[in-house]
Every structure is written in structure tokens, then in C-alpha cells.
Amino acid sequence: MRILIAYATTEGQTRKICRFAADHLSTQGHSVELLNAGDTEGLDVVRFDAVVMAGSVHAGNLQDDLIRFGAENATLLASRPTLYLQVSLSAAGDDASEWEDLRRIAGRVSDAIGFVPGRTEHVAGAFRFTQYDFFKSWAMRWIASQKGEDIDPHADREYTDWAALSATLDEWAASV
């Protein structure tokens, strides 16, 4: 199967997740093309059998490039098996109100791109303190403290569950 993985990332965790997905799907014999959604202009999506879209949530929104890619290709994407990976720190927790927010954000993304992906999965992201400026680092430390997280503000901390992501990819690819 020919699979396109189109992603948008702010601090790099979504790119890392998508590289993992590309490697995982490739080892199963699929042909995978991994592209930043900002680099998809002129891409002929019709040559792919299935599409994975991935973006990260920041302040309740996803990257414009991913929304634009989805909207520009909505009709074609709606006719293909699709997997939408929504990456966020909230997906690492079990707070019911945060999960409701994640579902609401995914619904807004579907509305903005003009179709509902065949499957949506929430993937836990990471604290990227090595990439934050002073103000963002302070804000992220405050968020971590509100969650009772003991973090080192000089080191990144990853929450992505790679085994769960592998299982999601396996189930999705098998269902296609």
C-alpha cells in the first residue's frame, strides 16, 4: 500500500512521531512518503492509497499548514482511508475535561478541513524545554507543576507511548 504521512510540527515531537510511523509502516512492506504539510504544494495525493495526517495542539489550535493541506485535498482524502494523529500533552493525562477539549479540537479540525478522518487518535507529546524561550519555559513549568509533574526545565521529557502508537498503526493498516 502507498501511504502518505503529512504532518505539521512546532517543536519537533510530531515529526518524530511521524518518522516512527513511517519506519513502522515501511517495515510492514508499505511504501511510505513522509512530508511536512508546508511542503505539499503541487503534491498529487491521488497516487496514495491511504493518508496519515498529524499535527500538534498548541493553545487549542493546530498548525495552519496541516489545516490548509487537509482543506485543499478534502474531497480526495475523504475517499481514502485516513488516520489523523492529534499530538498533545493533554493526551498523556486522564483529566476528563482535557480529553473533552481534545475531542472538541479534533471536531474543529474536521470542520476546518471539510471531512472527518476515518480514524482519529490522540498521541501524547513532549515537553521540549531545550527549544523554549524564557517565557514559554516558565509557562510550561507552571503547567507541569499544576499536573504534579516533577520536571527538569533544562531537559526534554517525552510522554509518547511508542507501543500504543505501534498498535494503532498496525490496527489501522490492517483495516485498510
N, C-alpha and C. Protein backbone atom coordinates (compact mmCIF):
# COMPACT_ATOMS: atom_id res chain seq x y z
N MET A 1 0.85 -1.17 0.00
CA MET A 1 0.00 0.00 0.00
C MET A 1 0.90 1.24 0.00
N ARG A 2 0.51 2.25 -0.75
CA ARG A 2 1.23 3.53 -0.80
C ARG A 2 0.58 4.49 0.20
N ILE A 3 1.35 4.91 1.18
CA ILE A 3 0.82 5.74 2.27
C ILE A 3 1.56 7.07 2.31
N LEU A 4 0.79 8.15 2.38
CA LEU A 4 1.35 9.48 2.60
C LEU A 4 1.19 9.82 4.07
N ILE A 5 2.25 10.31 4.67
CA ILE A 5 2.17 10.87 6.02
C ILE A 5 2.48 12.36 5.89
N ALA A 6 1.45 13.18 6.10
CA ALA A 6 1.60 14.64 6.05
C ALA A 6 1.47 15.16 7.47
N TYR A 7 2.44 15.93 7.91
CA TYR A 7 2.45 16.38 9.29
C TYR A 7 2.81 17.86 9.38
N ALA A 8 2.49 18.43 10.52
CA ALA A 8 2.95 19.77 10.88
C ALA A 8 3.43 19.69 12.32
N THR A 9 4.52 20.37 12.60
CA THR A 9 5.11 20.30 13.93
C THR A 9 5.57 21.68 14.36
N THR A 10 5.57 21.90 15.63
CA THR A 10 6.05 23.18 16.17
C THR A 10 7.40 23.00 16.84
N GLU A 11 7.53 21.97 17.66
CA GLU A 11 8.77 21.76 18.41
C GLU A 11 9.48 20.46 18.03
N GLY A 12 8.90 19.68 17.13
CA GLY A 12 9.58 18.50 16.63
C GLY A 12 9.05 17.16 17.07
N GLN A 13 8.21 17.10 18.11
CA GLN A 13 7.72 15.80 18.57
C GLN A 13 6.80 15.15 17.54
N THR A 14 5.97 15.93 16.88
CA THR A 14 5.08 15.36 15.86
C THR A 14 5.89 14.81 14.69
N ARG A 15 6.96 15.51 14.31
CA ARG A 15 7.84 14.98 13.25
C ARG A 15 8.46 13.66 13.71
N LYS A 16 8.90 13.58 14.97
CA LYS A 16 9.48 12.35 15.49
C LYS A 16 8.45 11.22 15.46
N ILE A 17 7.23 11.52 15.85
CA ILE A 17 6.15 10.53 15.83
C ILE A 17 5.90 10.05 14.40
N CYS A 18 5.91 10.97 13.46
CA CYS A 18 5.64 10.60 12.06
C CYS A 18 6.81 9.84 11.45
N ARG A 19 8.03 10.17 11.82
CA ARG A 19 9.18 9.36 11.36
C ARG A 19 9.05 7.93 11.88
N PHE A 20 8.66 7.81 13.15
CA PHE A 20 8.45 6.48 13.72
C PHE A 20 7.36 5.75 12.94
N ALA A 21 6.25 6.44 12.66
CA ALA A 21 5.15 5.82 11.91
C ALA A 21 5.60 5.39 10.52
N ALA A 22 6.38 6.24 9.85
CA ALA A 22 6.87 5.90 8.52
C ALA A 22 7.77 4.67 8.57
N ASP A 23 8.68 4.63 9.52
CA ASP A 23 9.56 3.46 9.66
C ASP A 23 8.75 2.20 9.99
N HIS A 24 7.80 2.34 10.90
CA HIS A 24 6.98 1.19 11.31
C HIS A 24 6.19 0.63 10.13
N LEU A 25 5.54 1.52 9.39
CA LEU A 25 4.73 1.07 8.25
C LEU A 25 5.60 0.52 7.12
N SER A 26 6.78 1.10 6.94
CA SER A 26 7.70 0.62 5.90
C SER A 26 8.18 -0.79 6.19
N THR A 27 8.44 -1.08 7.47
CA THR A 27 8.92 -2.42 7.82
C THR A 27 7.83 -3.48 7.58
N GLN A 28 6.59 -3.04 7.46
CA GLN A 28 5.50 -3.96 7.15
C GLN A 28 5.28 -4.10 5.64
N GLY A 29 6.16 -3.49 4.86
CA GLY A 29 6.10 -3.63 3.41
C GLY A 29 5.35 -2.53 2.68
N HIS A 30 4.91 -1.51 3.40
CA HIS A 30 4.20 -0.40 2.75
C HIS A 30 5.21 0.60 2.20
N SER A 31 4.83 1.26 1.13
CA SER A 31 5.62 2.35 0.58
C SER A 31 5.11 3.63 1.23
N VAL A 32 6.00 4.34 1.93
CA VAL A 32 5.59 5.49 2.73
C VAL A 32 6.35 6.74 2.29
N GLU A 33 5.62 7.82 2.11
CA GLU A 33 6.23 9.12 1.85
C GLU A 33 5.88 10.04 3.01
N LEU A 34 6.90 10.61 3.62
CA LEU A 34 6.75 11.48 4.78
C LEU A 34 7.01 12.91 4.34
N LEU A 35 6.01 13.79 4.53
CA LEU A 35 6.15 15.17 4.09
C LEU A 35 5.63 16.15 5.13
N ASN A 36 6.36 17.23 5.32
CA ASN A 36 5.86 18.34 6.11
C ASN A 36 4.71 18.95 5.33
N ALA A 37 3.59 19.21 5.98
CA ALA A 37 2.40 19.74 5.29
C ALA A 37 2.68 21.06 4.60
N GLY A 38 3.68 21.80 5.05
CA GLY A 38 4.05 23.05 4.39
C GLY A 38 4.77 22.84 3.07
N ASP A 39 5.18 21.60 2.80
CA ASP A 39 5.92 21.28 1.57
C ASP A 39 5.10 20.44 0.60
N THR A 40 3.78 20.46 0.70
CA THR A 40 2.95 19.58 -0.13
C THR A 40 2.34 20.29 -1.34
N GLU A 41 2.71 21.54 -1.58
CA GLU A 41 2.15 22.26 -2.73
C GLU A 41 2.46 21.49 -4.02
N GLY A 42 1.46 21.27 -4.81
CA GLY A 42 1.62 20.56 -6.07
C GLY A 42 1.67 19.04 -5.93
N LEU A 43 1.57 18.53 -4.73
CA LEU A 43 1.61 17.08 -4.50
C LEU A 43 0.35 16.44 -5.08
N ASP A 44 0.53 15.37 -5.83
CA ASP A 44 -0.60 14.64 -6.40
C ASP A 44 -1.01 13.54 -5.41
N VAL A 45 -1.95 13.86 -4.54
CA VAL A 45 -2.38 12.95 -3.49
C VAL A 45 -3.06 11.71 -4.06
N VAL A 46 -3.54 11.78 -5.28
CA VAL A 46 -4.25 10.65 -5.89
C VAL A 46 -3.37 9.41 -6.00
N ARG A 47 -2.06 9.57 -5.99
CA ARG A 47 -1.17 8.41 -6.13
C ARG A 47 -1.01 7.60 -4.85
N PHE A 48 -1.64 8.07 -3.76
CA PHE A 48 -1.55 7.35 -2.49
C PHE A 48 -2.84 6.59 -2.22
N ASP A 49 -2.69 5.41 -1.62
CA ASP A 49 -3.84 4.58 -1.28
C ASP A 49 -4.45 4.98 0.06
N ALA A 50 -3.64 5.56 0.93
CA ALA A 50 -4.09 5.94 2.27
C ALA A 50 -3.26 7.11 2.76
N VAL A 51 -3.80 7.85 3.72
CA VAL A 51 -3.11 9.05 4.20
C VAL A 51 -3.18 9.12 5.72
N VAL A 52 -2.04 9.44 6.32
CA VAL A 52 -1.95 9.76 7.74
C VAL A 52 -1.68 11.26 7.82
N MET A 53 -2.49 11.95 8.60
CA MET A 53 -2.27 13.37 8.87
C MET A 53 -1.94 13.51 10.35
N ALA A 54 -0.98 14.37 10.69
CA ALA A 54 -0.62 14.55 12.09
C ALA A 54 -0.27 16.00 12.36
N GLY A 55 -0.74 16.49 13.49
CA GLY A 55 -0.43 17.84 13.92
C GLY A 55 -0.46 17.92 15.42
N SER A 56 0.10 18.98 15.95
CA SER A 56 0.17 19.13 17.41
C SER A 56 -0.69 20.30 17.87
N VAL A 57 -1.27 20.12 19.03
CA VAL A 57 -2.14 21.12 19.63
C VAL A 57 -1.31 22.09 20.45
N HIS A 58 -1.47 23.36 20.16
CA HIS A 58 -0.83 24.43 20.92
C HIS A 58 -1.88 25.51 21.14
N ALA A 59 -2.17 25.79 22.39
CA ALA A 59 -3.17 26.80 22.76
C ALA A 59 -4.51 26.52 22.06
N GLY A 60 -4.86 25.24 21.96
CA GLY A 60 -6.15 24.84 21.41
C GLY A 60 -6.23 24.81 19.90
N ASN A 61 -5.13 25.02 19.21
CA ASN A 61 -5.13 25.05 17.74
C ASN A 61 -4.05 24.15 17.17
N LEU A 62 -4.24 23.80 15.88
CA LEU A 62 -3.22 23.06 15.15
C LEU A 62 -2.54 24.00 14.16
N GLN A 63 -1.48 23.53 13.57
CA GLN A 63 -0.73 24.33 12.61
C GLN A 63 -1.57 24.60 11.35
N ASP A 64 -1.48 25.82 10.86
CA ASP A 64 -2.23 26.23 9.67
C ASP A 64 -1.88 25.39 8.44
N ASP A 65 -0.60 24.99 8.31
CA ASP A 65 -0.19 24.20 7.14
C ASP A 65 -0.96 22.88 7.05
N LEU A 66 -1.20 22.24 8.18
CA LEU A 66 -1.92 20.97 8.16
C LEU A 66 -3.39 21.19 7.79
N ILE A 67 -3.98 22.24 8.35
CA ILE A 67 -5.37 22.57 8.03
C ILE A 67 -5.50 22.89 6.54
N ARG A 68 -4.57 23.66 6.02
CA ARG A 68 -4.60 24.02 4.59
C ARG A 68 -4.47 22.78 3.71
N PHE A 69 -3.52 21.90 4.05
CA PHE A 69 -3.34 20.66 3.28
C PHE A 69 -4.63 19.85 3.28
N GLY A 70 -5.23 19.68 4.43
CA GLY A 70 -6.46 18.91 4.53
C GLY A 70 -7.59 19.53 3.73
N ALA A 71 -7.75 20.85 3.84
CA ALA A 71 -8.84 21.55 3.13
C ALA A 71 -8.64 21.49 1.62
N GLU A 72 -7.40 21.65 1.17
CA GLU A 72 -7.12 21.62 -0.27
C GLU A 72 -7.34 20.24 -0.88
N ASN A 73 -7.25 19.21 -0.07
CA ASN A 73 -7.36 17.83 -0.56
C ASN A 73 -8.54 17.09 0.04
N ALA A 74 -9.50 17.82 0.61
CA ALA A 74 -10.59 17.20 1.38
C ALA A 74 -11.37 16.16 0.59
N THR A 75 -11.74 16.46 -0.63
CA THR A 75 -12.55 15.53 -1.42
C THR A 75 -11.79 14.23 -1.65
N LEU A 76 -10.54 14.33 -2.02
CA LEU A 76 -9.74 13.14 -2.28
C LEU A 76 -9.46 12.39 -0.98
N LEU A 77 -9.13 13.12 0.09
CA LEU A 77 -8.86 12.46 1.37
C LEU A 77 -10.08 11.74 1.90
N ALA A 78 -11.24 12.32 1.68
CA ALA A 78 -12.48 11.69 2.16
C ALA A 78 -12.75 10.36 1.44
N SER A 79 -12.13 10.17 0.28
CA SER A 79 -12.34 8.93 -0.47
C SER A 79 -11.26 7.89 -0.19
N ARG A 80 -10.34 8.20 0.72
CA ARG A 80 -9.24 7.31 1.05
C ARG A 80 -9.28 6.96 2.54
N PRO A 81 -8.70 5.83 2.91
CA PRO A 81 -8.54 5.55 4.34
C PRO A 81 -7.61 6.60 4.95
N THR A 82 -8.03 7.21 6.03
CA THR A 82 -7.24 8.25 6.68
C THR A 82 -7.11 7.98 8.17
N LEU A 83 -5.96 8.36 8.68
CA LEU A 83 -5.69 8.30 10.11
C LEU A 83 -5.20 9.68 10.51
N TYR A 84 -5.85 10.27 11.49
CA TYR A 84 -5.46 11.58 11.99
C TYR A 84 -4.85 11.41 13.38
N LEU A 85 -3.59 11.81 13.53
CA LEU A 85 -2.90 11.74 14.81
C LEU A 85 -2.83 13.16 15.38
N GLN A 86 -3.50 13.37 16.49
CA GLN A 86 -3.51 14.68 17.13
C GLN A 86 -2.61 14.58 18.37
N VAL A 87 -1.50 15.30 18.33
CA VAL A 87 -0.47 15.21 19.36
C VAL A 87 -0.66 16.34 20.37
N SER A 88 -0.63 15.97 21.66
CA SER A 88 -0.76 16.98 22.71
C SER A 88 -0.26 16.43 24.03
N LEU A 89 0.12 17.33 24.90
CA LEU A 89 0.50 16.91 26.25
C LEU A 89 -0.71 16.41 27.02
N SER A 90 -1.89 16.97 26.74
CA SER A 90 -3.11 16.55 27.45
C SER A 90 -3.40 15.07 27.25
N ALA A 91 -2.98 14.52 26.13
CA ALA A 91 -3.24 13.10 25.86
C ALA A 91 -2.44 12.19 26.79
N ALA A 92 -1.48 12.76 27.52
CA ALA A 92 -0.70 11.96 28.47
C ALA A 92 -1.44 11.77 29.79
N GLY A 93 -2.47 12.58 30.01
CA GLY A 93 -3.16 12.53 31.29
C GLY A 93 -4.53 11.87 31.21
N ASP A 94 -5.23 11.92 32.31
CA ASP A 94 -6.56 11.32 32.36
C ASP A 94 -7.61 12.30 32.85
N ASP A 95 -7.34 13.59 32.70
CA ASP A 95 -8.29 14.62 33.09
C ASP A 95 -9.45 14.65 32.08
N ALA A 96 -10.66 14.37 32.56
CA ALA A 96 -11.83 14.27 31.68
C ALA A 96 -12.09 15.56 30.92
N SER A 97 -11.91 16.71 31.55
CA SER A 97 -12.18 17.97 30.85
C SER A 97 -11.14 18.23 29.75
N GLU A 98 -9.90 17.82 29.99
CA GLU A 98 -8.88 17.98 28.95
C GLU A 98 -9.16 17.05 27.77
N TRP A 99 -9.62 15.83 28.05
CA TRP A 99 -9.97 14.91 26.97
C TRP A 99 -11.17 15.43 26.18
N GLU A 100 -12.11 16.06 26.86
CA GLU A 100 -13.24 16.67 26.15
C GLU A 100 -12.74 17.79 25.25
N ASP A 101 -11.79 18.58 25.73
CA ASP A 101 -11.19 19.63 24.90
C ASP A 101 -10.51 19.03 23.68
N LEU A 102 -9.78 17.93 23.87
CA LEU A 102 -9.10 17.29 22.73
C LEU A 102 -10.10 16.82 21.69
N ARG A 103 -11.21 16.25 22.14
CA ARG A 103 -12.25 15.80 21.19
C ARG A 103 -12.87 17.00 20.47
N ARG A 104 -13.07 18.09 21.21
CA ARG A 104 -13.63 19.30 20.60
C ARG A 104 -12.66 19.89 19.55
N ILE A 105 -11.38 19.90 19.88
CA ILE A 105 -10.38 20.39 18.92
C ILE A 105 -10.36 19.51 17.68
N ALA A 106 -10.42 18.19 17.85
CA ALA A 106 -10.46 17.29 16.69
C ALA A 106 -11.69 17.56 15.84
N GLY A 107 -12.83 17.85 16.47
CA GLY A 107 -14.03 18.20 15.72
C GLY A 107 -13.87 19.50 14.95
N ARG A 108 -13.21 20.47 15.56
CA ARG A 108 -12.95 21.74 14.86
C ARG A 108 -12.02 21.53 13.67
N VAL A 109 -11.05 20.64 13.84
CA VAL A 109 -10.14 20.33 12.73
C VAL A 109 -10.93 19.70 11.59
N SER A 110 -11.80 18.75 11.90
CA SER A 110 -12.63 18.13 10.85
C SER A 110 -13.47 19.18 10.14
N ASP A 111 -14.07 20.09 10.89
CA ASP A 111 -14.87 21.16 10.28
C ASP A 111 -14.01 22.03 9.38
N ALA A 112 -12.80 22.36 9.83
CA ALA A 112 -11.92 23.26 9.07
C ALA A 112 -11.40 22.61 7.79
N ILE A 113 -11.15 21.31 7.82
CA ILE A 113 -10.61 20.66 6.62
C ILE A 113 -11.72 20.14 5.70
N GLY A 114 -12.92 20.04 6.22
CA GLY A 114 -14.04 19.69 5.35
C GLY A 114 -14.33 18.21 5.22
N PHE A 115 -13.76 17.38 6.09
CA PHE A 115 -14.11 15.96 6.10
C PHE A 115 -13.72 15.39 7.46
N VAL A 116 -14.30 14.25 7.78
CA VAL A 116 -13.99 13.57 9.04
C VAL A 116 -13.04 12.42 8.73
N PRO A 117 -11.82 12.46 9.28
CA PRO A 117 -10.89 11.36 9.03
C PRO A 117 -11.49 10.02 9.47
N GLY A 118 -11.09 8.96 8.80
CA GLY A 118 -11.61 7.63 9.12
C GLY A 118 -11.32 7.20 10.54
N ARG A 119 -10.18 7.62 11.06
CA ARG A 119 -9.82 7.29 12.44
C ARG A 119 -9.02 8.45 13.02
N THR A 120 -9.34 8.81 14.24
CA THR A 120 -8.62 9.85 14.96
C THR A 120 -8.02 9.24 16.22
N GLU A 121 -6.75 9.48 16.44
CA GLU A 121 -6.07 9.01 17.64
C GLU A 121 -5.35 10.18 18.29
N HIS A 122 -5.41 10.21 19.60
CA HIS A 122 -4.71 11.24 20.37
C HIS A 122 -3.41 10.63 20.87
N VAL A 123 -2.31 11.32 20.62
CA VAL A 123 -0.98 10.82 20.96
C VAL A 123 -0.33 11.82 21.91
N ALA A 124 0.21 11.31 22.99
CA ALA A 124 0.88 12.18 23.96
C ALA A 124 2.16 12.75 23.37
N GLY A 125 2.39 14.01 23.63
CA GLY A 125 3.55 14.71 23.09
C GLY A 125 4.73 14.74 24.04
N ALA A 126 5.37 15.91 24.13
CA ALA A 126 6.57 16.04 24.94
C ALA A 126 6.74 17.47 25.41
N PHE A 127 7.44 17.64 26.52
CA PHE A 127 7.95 18.94 26.91
C PHE A 127 9.28 19.10 26.19
N ARG A 128 9.45 20.18 25.46
CA ARG A 128 10.68 20.44 24.71
C ARG A 128 11.38 21.67 25.29
N PHE A 129 11.81 21.56 26.53
CA PHE A 129 12.42 22.70 27.21
C PHE A 129 13.65 23.23 26.49
N THR A 130 14.37 22.36 25.78
CA THR A 130 15.56 22.81 25.07
C THR A 130 15.21 23.73 23.90
N GLN A 131 13.93 23.80 23.53
CA GLN A 131 13.52 24.64 22.41
C GLN A 131 12.68 25.86 22.84
N TYR A 132 12.36 25.96 24.12
CA TYR A 132 11.51 27.03 24.60
C TYR A 132 12.32 28.28 24.91
N ASP A 133 11.71 29.43 24.66
CA ASP A 133 12.31 30.67 25.14
C ASP A 133 11.97 30.81 26.63
N PHE A 134 12.45 31.86 27.27
CA PHE A 134 12.27 32.03 28.71
C PHE A 134 10.79 31.99 29.10
N PHE A 135 9.96 32.74 28.37
CA PHE A 135 8.55 32.85 28.74
C PHE A 135 7.79 31.54 28.55
N LYS A 136 8.06 30.86 27.43
CA LYS A 136 7.39 29.58 27.21
C LYS A 136 7.87 28.54 28.21
N SER A 137 9.15 28.56 28.53
CA SER A 137 9.67 27.63 29.52
C SER A 137 9.00 27.86 30.86
N TRP A 138 8.85 29.10 31.24
CA TRP A 138 8.18 29.43 32.50
C TRP A 138 6.74 28.92 32.48
N ALA A 139 6.02 29.20 31.38
CA ALA A 139 4.63 28.77 31.27
C ALA A 139 4.51 27.24 31.31
N MET A 140 5.40 26.54 30.63
CA MET A 140 5.33 25.09 30.60
C MET A 140 5.70 24.49 31.96
N ARG A 141 6.63 25.13 32.68
CA ARG A 141 6.94 24.66 34.04
C ARG A 141 5.72 24.84 34.94
N TRP A 142 5.00 25.94 34.77
CA TRP A 142 3.79 26.18 35.56
C TRP A 142 2.75 25.11 35.26
N ILE A 143 2.54 24.81 33.96
CA ILE A 143 1.59 23.77 33.57
C ILE A 143 1.99 22.43 34.18
N ALA A 144 3.27 22.10 34.11
CA ALA A 144 3.75 20.83 34.68
C ALA A 144 3.50 20.80 36.18
N SER A 145 3.74 21.92 36.86
CA SER A 145 3.53 21.93 38.32
C SER A 145 2.06 21.76 38.67
N GLN A 146 1.16 22.29 37.83
CA GLN A 146 -0.27 22.13 38.07
C GLN A 146 -0.71 20.68 37.92
N LYS A 147 0.05 19.91 37.17
CA LYS A 147 -0.25 18.49 36.95
C LYS A 147 0.51 17.60 37.93
N GLY A 148 1.31 18.22 38.82
CA GLY A 148 2.09 17.45 39.78
C GLY A 148 3.30 16.78 39.15
N GLU A 149 3.70 17.25 37.98
CA GLU A 149 4.84 16.67 37.27
C GLU A 149 6.14 17.24 37.83
N ASP A 150 7.09 16.38 38.08
CA ASP A 150 8.42 16.78 38.50
C ASP A 150 9.29 16.77 37.26
N ILE A 151 9.64 17.94 36.76
CA ILE A 151 10.38 18.02 35.50
C ILE A 151 11.69 18.77 35.71
N ASP A 152 12.61 18.54 34.82
CA ASP A 152 13.87 19.27 34.78
C ASP A 152 13.73 20.30 33.66
N PRO A 153 13.71 21.60 33.99
CA PRO A 153 13.50 22.62 32.96
C PRO A 153 14.67 22.77 31.99
N HIS A 154 15.70 21.95 32.15
CA HIS A 154 16.85 22.00 31.25
C HIS A 154 16.93 20.77 30.36
N ALA A 155 15.91 19.91 30.44
CA ALA A 155 15.91 18.68 29.66
C ALA A 155 14.51 18.43 29.09
N ASP A 156 14.45 17.82 27.94
CA ASP A 156 13.17 17.47 27.33
C ASP A 156 12.58 16.26 28.07
N ARG A 157 11.26 16.15 28.01
CA ARG A 157 10.59 14.99 28.60
C ARG A 157 9.51 14.51 27.63
N GLU A 158 9.61 13.26 27.26
CA GLU A 158 8.73 12.67 26.27
C GLU A 158 7.66 11.82 26.94
N TYR A 159 6.42 11.95 26.47
CA TYR A 159 5.30 11.18 27.01
C TYR A 159 4.71 10.22 25.97
N THR A 160 5.19 10.26 24.76
CA THR A 160 4.65 9.41 23.69
C THR A 160 4.78 7.94 24.07
N ASP A 161 3.67 7.22 23.93
CA ASP A 161 3.65 5.78 24.19
C ASP A 161 3.89 5.08 22.84
N TRP A 162 5.13 4.71 22.60
CA TRP A 162 5.51 4.15 21.30
C TRP A 162 4.84 2.80 21.05
N ALA A 163 4.66 1.99 22.06
CA ALA A 163 4.00 0.69 21.89
C ALA A 163 2.54 0.89 21.49
N ALA A 164 1.86 1.84 22.13
CA ALA A 164 0.46 2.12 21.78
C ALA A 164 0.36 2.68 20.37
N LEU A 165 1.32 3.52 19.98
CA LEU A 165 1.32 4.05 18.62
C LEU A 165 1.53 2.93 17.61
N SER A 166 2.43 2.01 17.91
CA SER A 166 2.65 0.85 17.03
C SER A 166 1.36 0.05 16.86
N ALA A 167 0.66 -0.18 17.96
CA ALA A 167 -0.60 -0.94 17.90
C ALA A 167 -1.63 -0.20 17.07
N THR A 168 -1.72 1.11 17.23
CA THR A 168 -2.66 1.92 16.44
C THR A 168 -2.34 1.81 14.96
N LEU A 169 -1.08 1.94 14.61
CA LEU A 169 -0.66 1.85 13.20
C LEU A 169 -0.96 0.47 12.64
N ASP A 170 -0.69 -0.57 13.42
CA ASP A 170 -0.97 -1.94 12.98
C ASP A 170 -2.45 -2.15 12.73
N GLU A 171 -3.29 -1.72 13.67
CA GLU A 171 -4.75 -1.88 13.53
C GLU A 171 -5.26 -1.11 12.33
N TRP A 172 -4.80 0.14 12.18
CA TRP A 172 -5.25 0.96 11.07
C TRP A 172 -4.84 0.35 9.72
N ALA A 173 -3.57 -0.01 9.59
CA ALA A 173 -3.10 -0.58 8.33
C ALA A 173 -3.81 -1.89 8.01
N ALA A 174 -4.08 -2.70 9.01
CA ALA A 174 -4.80 -3.96 8.78
C ALA A 174 -6.23 -3.72 8.34
N SER A 175 -6.83 -2.62 8.79
CA SER A 175 -8.22 -2.34 8.43
C SER A 175 -8.36 -1.73 7.05
N VAL A 176 -7.26 -1.28 6.50
CA VAL A 176 -7.28 -0.64 5.18
C VAL A 176 -7.36 -1.71 4.17
